């Protein structure tokens, strides 16, 4: 855009349009149209780490659909890898309440004493020797857990980046009653 000629004023709308245009042109702003290229901070599909949930498949007809990984931070601003695991129902489920309870955010369990916690999902991370190097609770679910065939939701989990480098397999299991 041309600079404002001396003695002329732009309207607030014109100034906003000018500022947005310069912002989009001069920076890596999401407003900028860049074609089909993927942005650097956009999550990428992770295809090298298999995710299994055999017991949940038998009990609740859930199957692994996809997983994306992006750099993130935990609640204390420490670096983390954010895994967004998409799970899909293969059949209609009669009882949805136990599934919703199991996939509640880990923050809901922090206030509950360990002996009173209902069973919930844990994400076991295995290395190349099939050793469980860590187990991580669900950070938060994303989407509605409907229990209807074909519907999907996401389980979001945060893992330390150094730990994630060693992960060769992820298995989703129910917690044991303490």
N, C-alpha and C. Protein backbone atom coordinates (compact mmCIF):
# COMPACT_ATOMS: atom_id res chain seq x y z
N UNK A 1 0.84 -1.18 0.00
CA UNK A 1 0.00 0.00 0.00
C UNK A 1 0.88 1.24 0.00
N UNK A 2 0.33 2.28 -0.54
CA UNK A 2 1.06 3.55 -0.59
C UNK A 2 1.00 4.25 0.75
N UNK A 3 2.02 5.00 1.08
CA UNK A 3 1.95 5.80 2.30
C UNK A 3 0.89 6.89 2.17
N UNK A 4 0.43 7.36 3.31
CA UNK A 4 -0.61 8.40 3.31
C UNK A 4 -0.01 9.70 2.79
N UNK A 5 -0.66 10.31 1.79
CA UNK A 5 -0.16 11.60 1.30
C UNK A 5 -0.27 12.66 2.40
N UNK A 6 0.64 13.60 2.42
CA UNK A 6 0.58 14.64 3.44
C UNK A 6 -0.75 15.39 3.38
N UNK A 7 -1.31 15.65 4.55
CA UNK A 7 -2.56 16.40 4.62
C UNK A 7 -3.79 15.53 4.51
N UNK A 8 -3.68 14.23 4.23
CA UNK A 8 -4.86 13.36 4.14
C UNK A 8 -4.84 12.39 5.31
N UNK A 9 -6.00 12.06 5.84
CA UNK A 9 -6.13 11.09 6.93
C UNK A 9 -6.91 9.88 6.45
N UNK A 10 -6.54 8.73 6.96
CA UNK A 10 -7.28 7.52 6.62
C UNK A 10 -8.35 7.27 7.67
N UNK A 11 -9.39 6.63 7.26
CA UNK A 11 -10.44 6.24 8.21
C UNK A 11 -9.91 5.09 9.07
N UNK A 12 -10.53 4.84 10.23
CA UNK A 12 -10.09 3.72 11.08
C UNK A 12 -10.13 2.38 10.34
N UNK A 13 -11.13 2.20 9.50
CA UNK A 13 -11.23 0.95 8.74
C UNK A 13 -10.07 0.81 7.77
N UNK A 14 -9.74 1.90 7.12
CA UNK A 14 -8.63 1.89 6.17
C UNK A 14 -7.29 1.63 6.88
N UNK A 15 -7.11 2.24 8.07
CA UNK A 15 -5.88 2.03 8.84
C UNK A 15 -5.77 0.56 9.27
N UNK A 16 -6.89 -0.04 9.71
CA UNK A 16 -6.88 -1.45 10.13
C UNK A 16 -6.54 -2.36 8.95
N UNK A 17 -7.15 -2.09 7.80
CA UNK A 17 -6.87 -2.89 6.61
C UNK A 17 -5.39 -2.77 6.22
N UNK A 18 -4.86 -1.57 6.31
CA UNK A 18 -3.45 -1.35 5.99
C UNK A 18 -2.54 -2.11 6.96
N UNK A 19 -2.85 -2.03 8.25
CA UNK A 19 -2.04 -2.71 9.26
C UNK A 19 -2.08 -4.23 9.07
N UNK A 20 -3.26 -4.79 8.79
CA UNK A 20 -3.38 -6.23 8.58
C UNK A 20 -2.64 -6.67 7.32
N UNK A 21 -2.71 -5.88 6.29
CA UNK A 21 -2.01 -6.21 5.05
C UNK A 21 -0.50 -6.23 5.28
N UNK A 22 0.02 -5.23 5.99
CA UNK A 22 1.46 -5.19 6.27
C UNK A 22 1.87 -6.35 7.17
N UNK A 23 1.03 -6.66 8.16
CA UNK A 23 1.33 -7.77 9.06
C UNK A 23 1.40 -9.08 8.29
N UNK A 24 0.44 -9.30 7.42
CA UNK A 24 0.42 -10.54 6.63
C UNK A 24 1.60 -10.60 5.67
N UNK A 25 1.99 -9.46 5.11
CA UNK A 25 3.08 -9.43 4.15
C UNK A 25 4.44 -9.58 4.82
N UNK A 26 4.62 -8.94 5.98
CA UNK A 26 5.94 -8.86 6.61
C UNK A 26 6.25 -9.96 7.60
N UNK A 27 5.30 -10.77 7.96
CA UNK A 27 5.57 -11.81 8.97
C UNK A 27 5.00 -13.14 8.52
N UNK A 28 5.25 -14.14 9.34
CA UNK A 28 4.70 -15.47 9.08
C UNK A 28 3.35 -15.58 9.77
N UNK A 29 2.50 -14.65 9.48
CA UNK A 29 1.19 -14.56 10.12
C UNK A 29 0.26 -15.60 9.51
N UNK A 30 -0.62 -16.23 10.33
CA UNK A 30 -1.55 -17.20 9.77
C UNK A 30 -2.54 -16.60 8.77
N UNK A 31 -2.68 -15.25 8.77
CA UNK A 31 -3.58 -14.63 7.81
C UNK A 31 -3.02 -14.68 6.39
N UNK A 32 -1.74 -14.86 6.29
CA UNK A 32 -1.08 -14.85 4.99
C UNK A 32 -1.42 -16.12 4.22
N UNK A 33 -1.80 -15.97 2.99
CA UNK A 33 -2.11 -17.11 2.13
C UNK A 33 -0.81 -17.60 1.53
N UNK A 34 -0.46 -18.85 1.83
CA UNK A 34 0.83 -19.36 1.37
C UNK A 34 0.69 -20.57 0.47
N UNK A 35 -0.47 -20.87 0.03
CA UNK A 35 -0.63 -22.02 -0.83
C UNK A 35 -0.74 -23.30 -0.03
N UNK A 36 -0.22 -24.40 -0.58
CA UNK A 36 -0.39 -25.71 0.03
C UNK A 36 0.74 -26.08 0.98
N UNK A 37 1.67 -25.18 1.25
CA UNK A 37 2.77 -25.50 2.14
C UNK A 37 2.29 -25.63 3.57
N UNK A 38 2.93 -26.52 4.33
CA UNK A 38 2.59 -26.72 5.73
C UNK A 38 3.43 -25.78 6.58
N UNK A 39 2.79 -25.11 7.54
CA UNK A 39 3.53 -24.23 8.44
C UNK A 39 4.39 -25.05 9.38
N UNK A 40 5.45 -24.46 9.87
CA UNK A 40 6.40 -25.16 10.74
C UNK A 40 5.77 -25.58 12.06
N UNK A 41 4.85 -24.76 12.61
CA UNK A 41 4.26 -25.09 13.90
C UNK A 41 3.03 -25.98 13.79
N UNK A 42 2.63 -26.32 12.59
CA UNK A 42 1.49 -27.18 12.37
C UNK A 42 1.84 -28.62 12.75
N UNK A 43 0.93 -29.34 13.44
CA UNK A 43 1.27 -30.71 13.81
C UNK A 43 1.40 -31.61 12.59
N UNK A 44 2.29 -32.59 12.68
CA UNK A 44 2.46 -33.50 11.56
C UNK A 44 1.96 -34.89 11.96
N UNK A 45 1.46 -35.61 10.96
CA UNK A 45 0.99 -36.97 11.20
C UNK A 45 2.18 -37.83 11.56
N UNK A 46 2.06 -38.57 12.64
CA UNK A 46 3.14 -39.45 13.09
C UNK A 46 2.82 -40.86 12.60
N UNK A 47 3.68 -41.40 11.76
CA UNK A 47 3.42 -42.72 11.19
C UNK A 47 4.39 -43.77 11.69
N UNK A 48 5.46 -43.37 12.37
CA UNK A 48 6.47 -44.31 12.81
C UNK A 48 6.17 -44.97 14.14
N UNK A 49 5.25 -44.43 14.93
CA UNK A 49 4.96 -44.96 16.26
C UNK A 49 3.58 -45.61 16.24
N UNK A 50 3.52 -46.95 16.31
CA UNK A 50 2.21 -47.59 16.33
C UNK A 50 1.51 -47.40 17.68
N UNK A 51 0.22 -47.35 17.64
CA UNK A 51 -0.58 -47.17 18.85
C UNK A 51 -1.59 -48.32 18.90
N UNK A 52 -1.58 -49.08 20.00
CA UNK A 52 -2.50 -50.21 20.12
C UNK A 52 -3.43 -50.01 21.31
N UNK A 53 -4.60 -50.57 21.21
CA UNK A 53 -5.58 -50.52 22.29
C UNK A 53 -6.47 -51.75 22.22
N UNK A 54 -5.84 -52.94 22.26
CA UNK A 54 -6.57 -54.19 22.09
C UNK A 54 -7.70 -54.39 23.09
N UNK A 55 -7.44 -54.14 24.37
CA UNK A 55 -8.48 -54.36 25.39
C UNK A 55 -9.62 -53.36 25.23
N UNK A 56 -9.30 -52.13 24.88
CA UNK A 56 -10.36 -51.13 24.69
C UNK A 56 -11.15 -51.42 23.42
N UNK A 57 -10.50 -52.04 22.44
CA UNK A 57 -11.19 -52.43 21.22
C UNK A 57 -12.24 -53.50 21.54
N UNK A 58 -11.87 -54.46 22.37
CA UNK A 58 -12.80 -55.54 22.71
C UNK A 58 -13.94 -55.05 23.59
N UNK A 59 -13.62 -54.19 24.57
CA UNK A 59 -14.64 -53.72 25.51
C UNK A 59 -15.53 -52.63 24.93
N UNK A 60 -14.93 -51.65 24.24
CA UNK A 60 -15.68 -50.47 23.83
C UNK A 60 -15.70 -50.24 22.32
N UNK A 61 -15.20 -51.16 21.54
CA UNK A 61 -15.19 -51.05 20.07
C UNK A 61 -14.48 -49.78 19.60
N UNK A 62 -13.34 -49.49 20.21
CA UNK A 62 -12.52 -48.34 19.81
C UNK A 62 -11.35 -48.80 18.95
N UNK A 63 -11.02 -48.01 17.94
CA UNK A 63 -9.84 -48.33 17.15
C UNK A 63 -9.02 -47.06 16.95
N UNK A 64 -7.72 -47.25 16.79
CA UNK A 64 -6.80 -46.15 16.52
C UNK A 64 -7.00 -45.68 15.09
N UNK A 65 -7.14 -44.37 14.92
CA UNK A 65 -7.31 -43.82 13.58
C UNK A 65 -6.06 -43.07 13.11
N UNK A 66 -5.57 -42.12 13.92
CA UNK A 66 -4.37 -41.38 13.53
C UNK A 66 -3.77 -40.70 14.76
N UNK A 67 -2.54 -40.18 14.56
CA UNK A 67 -1.88 -39.45 15.64
C UNK A 67 -1.07 -38.31 15.03
N UNK A 68 -1.19 -37.12 15.62
CA UNK A 68 -0.36 -35.99 15.23
C UNK A 68 0.51 -35.61 16.42
N UNK A 69 1.69 -35.10 16.13
CA UNK A 69 2.64 -34.70 17.16
C UNK A 69 3.08 -33.28 16.87
N UNK A 70 3.09 -32.44 17.91
CA UNK A 70 3.63 -31.09 17.75
C UNK A 70 4.35 -30.68 19.02
N UNK A 71 5.25 -29.73 18.89
CA UNK A 71 5.96 -29.20 20.03
C UNK A 71 5.00 -28.35 20.84
N UNK A 72 5.11 -28.46 22.16
CA UNK A 72 4.20 -27.76 23.05
C UNK A 72 4.92 -27.49 24.36
N UNK A 73 4.15 -27.18 25.38
CA UNK A 73 4.69 -26.99 26.72
C UNK A 73 3.69 -27.54 27.72
N UNK A 74 4.20 -28.04 28.85
CA UNK A 74 3.29 -28.53 29.88
C UNK A 74 2.78 -27.34 30.70
N UNK A 75 2.07 -27.63 31.79
CA UNK A 75 1.47 -26.57 32.60
C UNK A 75 2.50 -25.67 33.27
N UNK A 76 3.73 -26.11 33.38
CA UNK A 76 4.78 -25.34 34.03
C UNK A 76 5.74 -24.72 33.01
N UNK A 77 5.31 -24.64 31.76
CA UNK A 77 6.08 -24.05 30.66
C UNK A 77 7.33 -24.84 30.29
N UNK A 78 7.40 -26.11 30.69
CA UNK A 78 8.50 -26.98 30.28
C UNK A 78 8.21 -27.50 28.88
N UNK A 79 9.24 -27.73 28.06
CA UNK A 79 8.98 -28.24 26.71
C UNK A 79 8.34 -29.63 26.77
N UNK A 80 7.45 -29.88 25.83
CA UNK A 80 6.77 -31.17 25.76
C UNK A 80 6.36 -31.45 24.33
N UNK A 81 6.12 -32.72 24.04
CA UNK A 81 5.53 -33.12 22.77
C UNK A 81 4.06 -33.37 23.05
N UNK A 82 3.21 -32.77 22.26
CA UNK A 82 1.77 -32.96 22.42
C UNK A 82 1.30 -33.98 21.39
N UNK A 83 0.80 -35.11 21.86
CA UNK A 83 0.28 -36.16 20.99
C UNK A 83 -1.24 -36.04 20.95
N UNK A 84 -1.78 -35.97 19.77
CA UNK A 84 -3.23 -35.94 19.59
C UNK A 84 -3.62 -37.24 18.90
N UNK A 85 -4.13 -38.16 19.68
CA UNK A 85 -4.45 -39.50 19.19
C UNK A 85 -5.95 -39.56 18.90
N UNK A 86 -6.29 -39.81 17.65
CA UNK A 86 -7.69 -39.90 17.25
C UNK A 86 -8.16 -41.34 17.36
N UNK A 87 -9.25 -41.53 18.10
CA UNK A 87 -9.84 -42.86 18.30
C UNK A 87 -11.25 -42.85 17.72
N UNK A 88 -11.63 -43.96 17.10
CA UNK A 88 -12.92 -44.04 16.42
C UNK A 88 -13.70 -45.25 16.91
N UNK A 89 -15.01 -45.10 17.05
CA UNK A 89 -15.88 -46.21 17.43
C UNK A 89 -16.18 -47.06 16.19
N UNK A 90 -16.01 -48.38 16.31
CA UNK A 90 -16.29 -49.26 15.18
C UNK A 90 -17.72 -49.78 15.22
N UNK A 91 -18.34 -49.78 16.41
CA UNK A 91 -19.73 -50.20 16.58
C UNK A 91 -20.40 -49.27 17.58
N UNK A 92 -21.72 -49.25 17.57
CA UNK A 92 -22.45 -48.50 18.59
C UNK A 92 -22.20 -49.13 19.95
N UNK A 93 -22.04 -48.29 20.96
CA UNK A 93 -21.77 -48.76 22.31
C UNK A 93 -23.03 -48.55 23.15
N UNK A 94 -23.39 -49.58 23.93
CA UNK A 94 -24.61 -49.50 24.74
C UNK A 94 -24.44 -48.50 25.89
N UNK A 95 -23.35 -48.58 26.63
CA UNK A 95 -23.10 -47.71 27.78
C UNK A 95 -21.94 -46.76 27.48
N UNK A 96 -22.22 -45.48 27.37
CA UNK A 96 -21.20 -44.49 27.05
C UNK A 96 -20.60 -43.88 28.33
N UNK A 97 -21.35 -43.87 29.42
CA UNK A 97 -20.88 -43.22 30.65
C UNK A 97 -19.54 -43.75 31.14
N UNK A 98 -19.30 -45.08 31.19
CA UNK A 98 -17.99 -45.54 31.65
C UNK A 98 -16.85 -45.09 30.74
N UNK A 99 -17.10 -44.95 29.46
CA UNK A 99 -16.07 -44.50 28.52
C UNK A 99 -15.75 -43.03 28.79
N UNK A 100 -16.80 -42.23 28.96
CA UNK A 100 -16.58 -40.81 29.26
C UNK A 100 -15.83 -40.64 30.58
N UNK A 101 -16.17 -41.45 31.57
CA UNK A 101 -15.51 -41.37 32.87
C UNK A 101 -14.03 -41.75 32.75
N UNK A 102 -13.75 -42.79 31.95
CA UNK A 102 -12.37 -43.26 31.78
C UNK A 102 -11.52 -42.25 31.02
N UNK A 103 -12.14 -41.48 30.13
CA UNK A 103 -11.40 -40.50 29.33
C UNK A 103 -11.53 -39.08 29.89
N UNK A 104 -11.85 -38.95 31.18
CA UNK A 104 -11.86 -37.63 31.79
C UNK A 104 -10.44 -37.10 31.87
N UNK A 105 -10.33 -35.80 31.93
CA UNK A 105 -9.03 -35.15 32.03
C UNK A 105 -8.31 -35.59 33.29
N UNK A 106 -6.99 -35.67 33.23
CA UNK A 106 -6.21 -36.05 34.41
C UNK A 106 -6.36 -35.01 35.51
N UNK A 107 -6.74 -33.79 35.16
CA UNK A 107 -6.92 -32.75 36.17
C UNK A 107 -8.10 -33.06 37.08
N UNK A 108 -9.09 -33.80 36.57
CA UNK A 108 -10.23 -34.18 37.39
C UNK A 108 -9.82 -35.17 38.47
N UNK A 109 -8.78 -35.96 38.21
CA UNK A 109 -8.35 -36.97 39.17
C UNK A 109 -7.42 -36.40 40.24
N UNK A 110 -6.84 -35.23 39.99
CA UNK A 110 -5.90 -34.67 40.96
C UNK A 110 -6.54 -34.37 42.30
N UNK A 111 -7.83 -34.04 42.28
CA UNK A 111 -8.52 -33.69 43.51
C UNK A 111 -9.13 -34.91 44.21
N UNK A 112 -9.09 -36.06 43.55
CA UNK A 112 -9.70 -37.27 44.10
C UNK A 112 -8.62 -38.14 44.74
N UNK A 113 -8.84 -38.62 45.97
CA UNK A 113 -7.86 -39.53 46.57
C UNK A 113 -7.67 -40.78 45.70
N UNK A 114 -6.46 -41.33 45.69
CA UNK A 114 -6.12 -42.47 44.81
C UNK A 114 -7.07 -43.64 45.00
N UNK A 115 -7.46 -43.94 46.23
CA UNK A 115 -8.32 -45.11 46.46
C UNK A 115 -9.75 -44.91 45.93
N UNK A 116 -10.17 -43.65 45.74
CA UNK A 116 -11.52 -43.36 45.28
C UNK A 116 -11.61 -43.09 43.78
N UNK A 117 -10.49 -43.11 43.08
CA UNK A 117 -10.50 -42.79 41.65
C UNK A 117 -11.13 -43.92 40.85
N UNK A 118 -11.98 -43.57 39.89
CA UNK A 118 -12.51 -44.61 39.00
C UNK A 118 -11.43 -45.05 38.02
N UNK A 119 -11.57 -46.20 37.40
CA UNK A 119 -10.59 -46.62 36.39
C UNK A 119 -10.53 -45.58 35.26
N UNK A 120 -9.31 -45.28 34.81
CA UNK A 120 -9.13 -44.30 33.74
C UNK A 120 -8.02 -44.79 32.81
N UNK A 121 -7.93 -44.16 31.65
CA UNK A 121 -6.95 -44.61 30.66
C UNK A 121 -5.56 -44.06 30.98
N UNK A 122 -4.56 -44.89 30.68
CA UNK A 122 -3.16 -44.52 30.79
C UNK A 122 -2.49 -44.85 29.46
N UNK A 123 -1.51 -44.06 29.10
CA UNK A 123 -0.79 -44.25 27.84
C UNK A 123 0.60 -44.75 28.17
N UNK A 124 0.83 -46.04 27.90
CA UNK A 124 2.12 -46.67 28.16
C UNK A 124 3.00 -46.47 26.95
N UNK A 125 4.23 -45.98 27.18
CA UNK A 125 5.19 -45.75 26.11
C UNK A 125 6.31 -46.78 26.23
N UNK A 126 6.54 -47.52 25.14
CA UNK A 126 7.54 -48.59 25.13
C UNK A 126 8.71 -48.21 24.22
N UNK A 127 9.92 -48.68 24.60
CA UNK A 127 11.10 -48.46 23.76
C UNK A 127 11.30 -49.65 22.84
N UNK A 128 12.46 -49.69 22.14
CA UNK A 128 12.71 -50.76 21.16
C UNK A 128 12.84 -52.14 21.78
N UNK A 129 13.14 -52.23 23.08
CA UNK A 129 13.24 -53.52 23.76
C UNK A 129 11.92 -53.92 24.42
N UNK A 130 10.85 -53.19 24.13
CA UNK A 130 9.52 -53.42 24.68
C UNK A 130 9.46 -53.19 26.19
N UNK A 131 10.28 -52.26 26.66
CA UNK A 131 10.28 -51.87 28.06
C UNK A 131 9.39 -50.63 28.20
N UNK A 132 8.48 -50.67 29.14
CA UNK A 132 7.60 -49.52 29.39
C UNK A 132 8.43 -48.42 30.05
N UNK A 133 8.81 -47.41 29.28
CA UNK A 133 9.68 -46.37 29.81
C UNK A 133 8.90 -45.31 30.59
N UNK A 134 7.63 -45.15 30.30
CA UNK A 134 6.79 -44.24 31.06
C UNK A 134 5.33 -44.57 30.83
N UNK A 135 4.50 -44.16 31.77
CA UNK A 135 3.05 -44.20 31.56
C UNK A 135 2.52 -42.81 31.87
N UNK A 136 1.67 -42.31 31.00
CA UNK A 136 1.22 -40.93 31.06
C UNK A 136 -0.30 -40.91 31.12
N UNK A 137 -0.88 -40.12 32.03
CA UNK A 137 -2.35 -39.99 32.03
C UNK A 137 -2.80 -39.08 30.89
N UNK A 138 -4.05 -39.16 30.57
CA UNK A 138 -4.65 -38.31 29.56
C UNK A 138 -4.57 -36.86 30.02
N UNK A 139 -4.10 -35.96 29.18
CA UNK A 139 -4.07 -34.55 29.53
C UNK A 139 -5.48 -33.97 29.42
N UNK A 140 -6.12 -34.17 28.27
CA UNK A 140 -7.52 -33.80 28.12
C UNK A 140 -8.10 -34.46 26.87
N UNK A 141 -9.41 -34.75 26.89
CA UNK A 141 -10.05 -35.26 25.68
C UNK A 141 -10.47 -34.09 24.80
N UNK A 142 -10.59 -34.35 23.51
CA UNK A 142 -11.02 -33.31 22.58
C UNK A 142 -12.16 -33.88 21.74
N UNK A 143 -13.27 -33.22 21.74
CA UNK A 143 -14.44 -33.69 21.01
C UNK A 143 -15.40 -34.43 21.93
N UNK A 144 -16.54 -34.74 21.40
CA UNK A 144 -17.60 -35.41 22.15
C UNK A 144 -17.45 -36.93 22.04
N UNK A 145 -17.53 -37.61 23.15
CA UNK A 145 -17.49 -39.07 23.17
C UNK A 145 -18.94 -39.55 23.09
N UNK A 146 -19.36 -39.95 21.88
CA UNK A 146 -20.77 -40.28 21.64
C UNK A 146 -21.08 -41.76 21.75
N UNK A 147 -20.12 -42.62 21.43
CA UNK A 147 -20.37 -44.05 21.43
C UNK A 147 -21.06 -44.56 20.18
N UNK A 148 -21.19 -43.72 19.17
CA UNK A 148 -21.86 -44.10 17.92
C UNK A 148 -20.83 -44.57 16.90
N UNK A 149 -21.19 -45.58 16.16
CA UNK A 149 -20.30 -46.15 15.14
C UNK A 149 -19.88 -45.08 14.14
N UNK A 150 -18.57 -44.99 13.88
CA UNK A 150 -18.04 -44.02 12.94
C UNK A 150 -17.65 -42.69 13.56
N UNK A 151 -18.15 -42.38 14.76
CA UNK A 151 -17.78 -41.14 15.44
C UNK A 151 -16.39 -41.28 16.06
N UNK A 152 -15.67 -40.18 16.11
CA UNK A 152 -14.31 -40.20 16.64
C UNK A 152 -14.13 -39.08 17.66
N UNK A 153 -13.09 -39.18 18.46
CA UNK A 153 -12.68 -38.14 19.39
C UNK A 153 -11.17 -38.23 19.53
N UNK A 154 -10.58 -37.21 20.14
CA UNK A 154 -9.13 -37.19 20.32
C UNK A 154 -8.76 -37.28 21.79
N UNK A 155 -7.68 -38.00 22.04
CA UNK A 155 -7.08 -38.06 23.36
C UNK A 155 -5.77 -37.29 23.26
N UNK A 156 -5.63 -36.22 24.02
CA UNK A 156 -4.44 -35.39 23.98
C UNK A 156 -3.55 -35.73 25.17
N UNK A 157 -2.28 -36.02 24.87
CA UNK A 157 -1.31 -36.42 25.89
C UNK A 157 -0.04 -35.61 25.67
N UNK A 158 0.58 -35.18 26.78
CA UNK A 158 1.86 -34.47 26.69
C UNK A 158 2.96 -35.33 27.29
N UNK A 159 4.09 -35.41 26.54
CA UNK A 159 5.22 -36.25 26.93
C UNK A 159 6.49 -35.41 26.81
N UNK A 160 7.46 -35.67 27.67
CA UNK A 160 8.75 -34.98 27.59
C UNK A 160 9.41 -35.32 26.25
N UNK A 161 9.99 -34.34 25.56
CA UNK A 161 10.58 -34.59 24.23
C UNK A 161 11.67 -35.67 24.21
N UNK A 162 12.53 -35.70 25.24
CA UNK A 162 13.59 -36.72 25.29
C UNK A 162 13.00 -38.12 25.45
N UNK A 163 11.94 -38.23 26.22
CA UNK A 163 11.27 -39.52 26.39
C UNK A 163 10.63 -39.95 25.07
N UNK A 164 9.99 -39.00 24.38
CA UNK A 164 9.30 -39.34 23.14
C UNK A 164 10.26 -39.81 22.06
N UNK A 165 11.49 -39.34 22.08
CA UNK A 165 12.49 -39.79 21.09
C UNK A 165 12.73 -41.29 21.20
N UNK A 166 12.58 -41.86 22.39
CA UNK A 166 12.84 -43.28 22.63
C UNK A 166 11.62 -44.15 22.36
N UNK A 167 10.44 -43.56 22.22
CA UNK A 167 9.20 -44.32 22.11
C UNK A 167 9.11 -45.01 20.75
N UNK A 168 8.84 -46.32 20.80
CA UNK A 168 8.65 -47.12 19.57
C UNK A 168 7.23 -47.66 19.46
N UNK A 169 6.50 -47.65 20.60
CA UNK A 169 5.13 -48.16 20.60
C UNK A 169 4.37 -47.50 21.74
N UNK A 170 3.09 -47.21 21.50
CA UNK A 170 2.21 -46.67 22.53
C UNK A 170 1.05 -47.63 22.70
N UNK A 171 0.74 -47.95 23.94
CA UNK A 171 -0.40 -48.81 24.23
C UNK A 171 -1.31 -48.11 25.22
N UNK A 172 -2.59 -48.05 24.88
CA UNK A 172 -3.57 -47.40 25.76
C UNK A 172 -4.22 -48.50 26.59
N UNK A 173 -4.13 -48.36 27.92
CA UNK A 173 -4.67 -49.36 28.83
C UNK A 173 -5.48 -48.67 29.91
N UNK A 174 -6.30 -49.47 30.56
CA UNK A 174 -7.05 -48.97 31.73
C UNK A 174 -6.14 -49.05 32.95
N UNK A 175 -6.33 -48.12 33.89
CA UNK A 175 -5.55 -48.14 35.13
C UNK A 175 -6.01 -49.29 36.00
N UNK A 176 -5.12 -49.71 36.87
CA UNK A 176 -5.45 -50.76 37.83
C UNK A 176 -6.07 -50.11 39.06
N UNK A 177 -7.00 -50.79 39.67
CA UNK A 177 -7.61 -50.28 40.90
C UNK A 177 -6.60 -50.43 42.02
N UNK A 178 -6.36 -49.35 42.76
CA UNK A 178 -5.35 -49.37 43.83
C UNK A 178 -5.95 -49.88 45.12
